[in-house]
Amino acid sequence: MAYLSIEEVKRQMERYCAYQERSHYQVEKKLRDLGMIPDAIDHIVLHLIQENFLNEERFARAYARGKFYQKKWGKLKIKQGLKQHFINDKLIDRALQEIDPVDYQQAITYLITKKLPAIKNGNSYEKKQKLIKYLYQKGYTYEDIAGLIP
């Protein structure tokens, strides 16, 4: 196994962070996977922060935007995903502000119109329950969806 110098790992991590936004958790995990010792990890993470390759708030905002606009996740699911990256609650709240309330309502409406025809079995009550369950799984609350379900 070839050993990498701290400088080589720094460059490698700069490329890793430049490719897409990363959380501190992802970077630290990657460095642990490379077999770096804790002092080296701290040194490299500090370097990445100082050179603006690593920024938790920027990551949280990009994550929230991406998961909502690409995958149509609700705020609860986005919040849970950010918590899995050990993002603090204050940054999570800021990140969720990236989602436009009008877009949020439109996304729920889109998911309803897409899912409802796909639910084949059951009476109208059962179909409604399946639709609500689907929207819960996507991370929406009953308050979000209550007025939008037919």
Protein backbone atom coordinates (compact mmCIF):
# COMPACT_ATOMS: atom_id res chain seq x y z
CA MET A 1 0.00 0.00 0.00
CA ALA A 2 1.40 3.39 -0.99
CA TYR A 3 1.42 6.07 1.66
CA LEU A 4 0.38 9.59 0.77
CA SER A 5 1.92 12.71 2.23
CA ILE A 6 -0.25 15.28 4.01
CA GLU A 7 0.16 17.60 1.00
CA GLU A 8 -0.99 14.90 -1.43
CA VAL A 9 -4.03 14.16 0.71
CA LYS A 10 -4.78 17.91 0.97
CA ARG A 11 -4.82 18.19 -2.83
CA GLN A 12 -6.93 15.05 -3.13
CA MET A 13 -9.45 16.43 -0.60
CA GLU A 14 -9.49 19.82 -2.34
CA ARG A 15 -10.57 18.05 -5.53
CA TYR A 16 -13.11 15.99 -3.56
CA CYS A 17 -14.65 19.16 -2.08
CA ALA A 18 -14.46 21.15 -5.32
CA TYR A 19 -16.44 18.50 -7.20
CA GLN A 20 -19.52 19.05 -5.01
CA GLU A 21 -20.37 20.50 -1.62
CA ARG A 22 -19.36 18.20 1.23
CA SER A 23 -20.12 18.14 4.93
CA HIS A 24 -17.42 17.99 7.58
CA TYR A 25 -18.72 14.52 8.39
CA GLN A 26 -18.18 13.29 4.80
CA VAL A 27 -14.66 14.72 4.65
CA GLU A 28 -13.65 13.32 8.03
CA LYS A 29 -15.07 9.90 7.09
CA LYS A 30 -13.15 9.94 3.80
CA LEU A 31 -9.95 10.84 5.63
CA ARG A 32 -10.51 8.06 8.19
CA ASP A 33 -11.09 5.63 5.30
CA LEU A 34 -7.71 6.73 3.89
CA GLY A 35 -6.15 5.73 7.21
CA MET A 36 -5.29 9.24 8.38
CA ILE A 37 -4.59 9.79 12.08
CA PRO A 38 -6.81 12.22 14.05
CA ASP A 39 -4.19 15.02 14.14
CA ALA A 40 -3.74 14.84 10.36
CA ILE A 41 -7.52 14.83 9.87
CA ASP A 42 -7.85 17.98 12.00
CA HIS A 43 -5.00 19.65 10.09
CA ILE A 44 -6.50 18.84 6.68
CA VAL A 45 -10.05 19.84 7.66
CA LEU A 46 -8.76 23.15 9.02
CA HIS A 47 -6.89 23.75 5.75
CA LEU A 48 -10.05 22.99 3.71
CA ILE A 49 -12.09 25.41 5.83
CA GLN A 50 -9.48 28.18 5.61
CA GLU A 51 -9.24 27.79 1.84
CA ASN A 52 -13.06 27.78 1.59
CA PHE A 53 -13.28 24.28 0.13
CA LEU A 54 -15.38 23.22 3.10
CA ASN A 55 -18.31 25.22 4.46
CA GLU A 56 -21.09 23.63 6.51
CA GLU A 57 -23.67 26.33 5.79
CA ARG A 58 -23.00 26.20 2.06
CA PHE A 59 -23.30 22.39 2.19
CA ALA A 60 -26.58 22.52 4.14
CA ARG A 61 -28.13 25.03 1.74
CA ALA A 62 -27.03 23.07 -1.34
CA TYR A 63 -28.29 19.81 0.20
CA ALA A 64 -31.70 21.30 1.00
CA ARG A 65 -32.08 22.84 -2.46
CA GLY A 66 -30.93 19.69 -4.23
CA LYS A 67 -33.09 17.22 -2.30
CA PHE A 68 -36.16 19.42 -2.65
CA TYR A 69 -35.86 20.57 -6.26
CA GLN A 70 -34.45 17.30 -7.64
CA LYS A 71 -36.10 14.61 -5.51
CA LYS A 72 -39.14 16.53 -4.21
CA TRP A 73 -38.30 15.69 -0.59
CA GLY A 74 -40.28 17.44 2.15
CA LYS A 75 -38.70 19.48 4.92
CA LEU A 76 -38.84 16.65 7.48
CA LYS A 77 -36.86 14.27 5.27
CA ILE A 78 -34.35 17.00 4.37
CA LYS A 79 -33.93 17.86 8.04
CA GLN A 80 -33.34 14.20 8.89
CA GLY A 81 -30.76 13.90 6.11
CA LEU A 82 -28.89 16.97 7.37
CA LYS A 83 -28.94 15.57 10.92
CA GLN A 84 -27.27 12.43 9.58
CA HIS A 85 -24.44 14.71 8.45
CA PHE A 86 -24.30 16.19 11.98
CA ILE A 87 -25.40 19.65 10.84
CA ASN A 88 -26.61 21.80 13.75
CA ASP A 89 -30.24 22.91 14.05
CA LYS A 90 -29.50 26.58 13.36
CA LEU A 91 -27.88 25.75 10.02
CA ILE A 92 -30.69 23.34 9.20
CA ASP A 93 -33.25 26.08 9.74
CA ARG A 94 -31.28 28.43 7.48
CA ALA A 95 -30.98 25.74 4.83
CA LEU A 96 -34.72 25.07 4.84
CA GLN A 97 -35.32 28.76 4.13
CA GLU A 98 -33.80 28.08 0.70
CA ILE A 99 -37.08 26.40 -0.24
CA ASP A 100 -39.64 28.81 -1.63
CA PRO A 101 -43.07 28.29 0.02
CA VAL A 102 -44.85 28.53 -3.35
CA ASP A 103 -42.51 25.91 -4.84
CA TYR A 104 -43.16 23.74 -1.76
CA GLN A 105 -46.92 23.79 -2.34
CA GLN A 106 -46.43 23.15 -6.07
CA ALA A 107 -44.21 20.16 -5.31
CA ILE A 108 -46.89 18.62 -3.08
CA THR A 109 -49.52 19.20 -5.77
CA TYR A 110 -47.21 17.65 -8.38
CA LEU A 111 -46.60 14.57 -6.21
CA ILE A 112 -50.34 14.16 -5.59
CA THR A 113 -51.24 14.38 -9.28
CA LYS A 114 -48.45 11.94 -10.14
CA LYS A 115 -49.17 9.40 -7.38
CA LEU A 116 -52.97 9.36 -7.23
CA PRO A 117 -53.53 7.71 -10.65
CA ALA A 118 -50.88 5.11 -9.78
CA ILE A 119 -52.87 3.91 -6.74
CA LYS A 120 -55.02 1.15 -8.21
CA ASN A 121 -56.58 -0.84 -5.36
CA GLY A 122 -59.01 0.28 -2.70
CA ASN A 123 -61.91 2.62 -2.22
CA SER A 124 -61.50 6.40 -2.11
CA TYR A 125 -60.70 6.36 1.63
CA GLU A 126 -57.98 3.71 1.21
CA LYS A 127 -56.51 5.56 -1.77
CA LYS A 128 -56.42 8.76 0.24
CA GLN A 129 -54.64 6.95 3.10
CA LYS A 130 -52.07 5.49 0.70
CA LEU A 131 -51.48 8.94 -0.76
CA ILE A 132 -50.99 10.46 2.71
CA LYS A 133 -48.58 7.66 3.64
CA TYR A 134 -46.61 8.29 0.42
CA LEU A 135 -46.34 12.02 1.18
CA TYR A 136 -45.26 11.29 4.77
CA GLN A 137 -42.50 9.06 3.41
CA LYS A 138 -41.39 11.95 1.19
CA GLY A 139 -41.05 14.11 4.31
CA TYR A 140 -44.20 16.22 4.28
CA THR A 141 -46.36 16.88 7.35
CA TYR A 142 -50.12 16.60 7.53
CA GLU A 143 -50.27 20.39 7.91
CA ASP A 144 -48.39 20.70 4.59
CA ILE A 145 -50.74 18.40 2.70
CA ALA A 146 -54.13 18.76 4.45
CA GLY A 147 -55.70 21.30 2.12
CA LEU A 148 -54.21 19.82 -1.04
CA ILE A 149 -55.50 16.25 -0.93
CA PRO A 150 -58.65 15.73 -3.05
